[in-house]
Amino acid sequence: MTLATQDQGYGEIALVDLLDRLLGTGVVISGDVVISLAGVDLVQVQLHALISSVRAEMTQ
């Protein structure tokens, strides 16, 4: 599986290479989902995650 990039001279990037690059530097994922009915919040889910590799943390 490859991801097509914009025409900036990068070419195609394999999914494994993309994950390696993201985990090498670390990535933060943050999001909120609220399901409401008639203005009343029924379900609220919050996600806050910091993903980093151990290898990157050990070198610092």
Protein backbone atom coordinates (compact mmCIF):
# COMPACT_ATOMS: atom_id res chain seq x y z
CA MET A 1 0.00 0.00 0.00
CA THR A 2 1.40 3.38 -0.97
CA LEU A 3 0.16 6.89 -0.46
CA ALA A 4 0.16 9.33 -3.34
CA THR A 5 1.63 12.72 -2.50
CA GLN A 6 1.21 16.12 -4.04
CA ASP A 7 3.35 16.91 -7.05
CA GLN A 8 6.28 18.25 -5.00
CA GLY A 9 8.95 15.85 -6.21
CA TYR A 10 8.55 13.37 -3.36
CA GLY A 11 6.98 10.53 -5.34
CA GLU A 12 5.09 7.71 -3.63
CA ILE A 13 5.69 6.84 0.01
CA ALA A 14 5.10 3.32 1.35
CA LEU A 15 2.86 3.09 4.40
CA VAL A 16 5.68 1.45 6.39
CA ASP A 17 8.01 4.35 5.58
CA LEU A 18 5.37 6.86 6.63
CA LEU A 19 4.80 5.09 9.97
CA ASP A 20 8.55 4.85 10.55
CA ARG A 21 8.93 8.58 9.93
CA LEU A 22 6.01 9.48 12.22
CA LEU A 23 7.10 7.16 15.04
CA GLY A 24 10.70 8.31 14.74
CA THR A 25 9.71 11.86 15.64
CA GLY A 26 6.51 11.13 17.54
CA VAL A 27 2.94 12.08 16.78
CA VAL A 28 0.10 13.56 18.84
CA ILE A 29 -3.50 12.55 18.11
CA SER A 30 -6.28 14.58 19.64
CA GLY A 31 -9.99 14.54 18.93
CA ASP A 32 -13.45 15.01 20.37
CA VAL A 33 -16.71 13.38 19.29
CA VAL A 34 -20.06 14.47 20.69
CA ILE A 35 -23.35 12.79 19.80
CA SER A 36 -26.34 14.89 20.69
CA LEU A 37 -30.07 14.71 20.12
CA ALA A 38 -32.28 17.80 20.28
CA GLY A 39 -29.48 19.84 21.82
CA VAL A 40 -28.80 17.31 24.60
CA ASP A 41 -25.36 15.69 24.62
CA LEU A 42 -25.84 11.92 24.86
CA VAL A 43 -22.28 10.66 24.32
CA GLN A 44 -18.97 12.50 24.50
CA VAL A 45 -15.70 10.79 23.62
CA GLN A 46 -12.33 12.50 23.96
CA LEU A 47 -9.11 11.04 22.60
CA HIS A 48 -5.68 12.40 23.45
CA ALA A 49 -2.73 10.18 22.57
CA LEU A 50 1.02 10.66 22.28
CA ILE A 51 2.67 7.99 20.15
CA SER A 52 6.43 7.71 20.03
CA SER A 53 8.94 4.95 19.64
CA VAL A 54 11.17 3.84 22.50
CA ARG A 55 14.18 4.15 20.23
CA ALA A 56 13.56 7.89 19.79
CA GLU A 57 13.22 8.42 23.53
CA MET A 58 16.37 6.45 24.36
CA THR A 59 18.57 8.63 22.14
CA GLN A 60 17.66 11.83 23.96
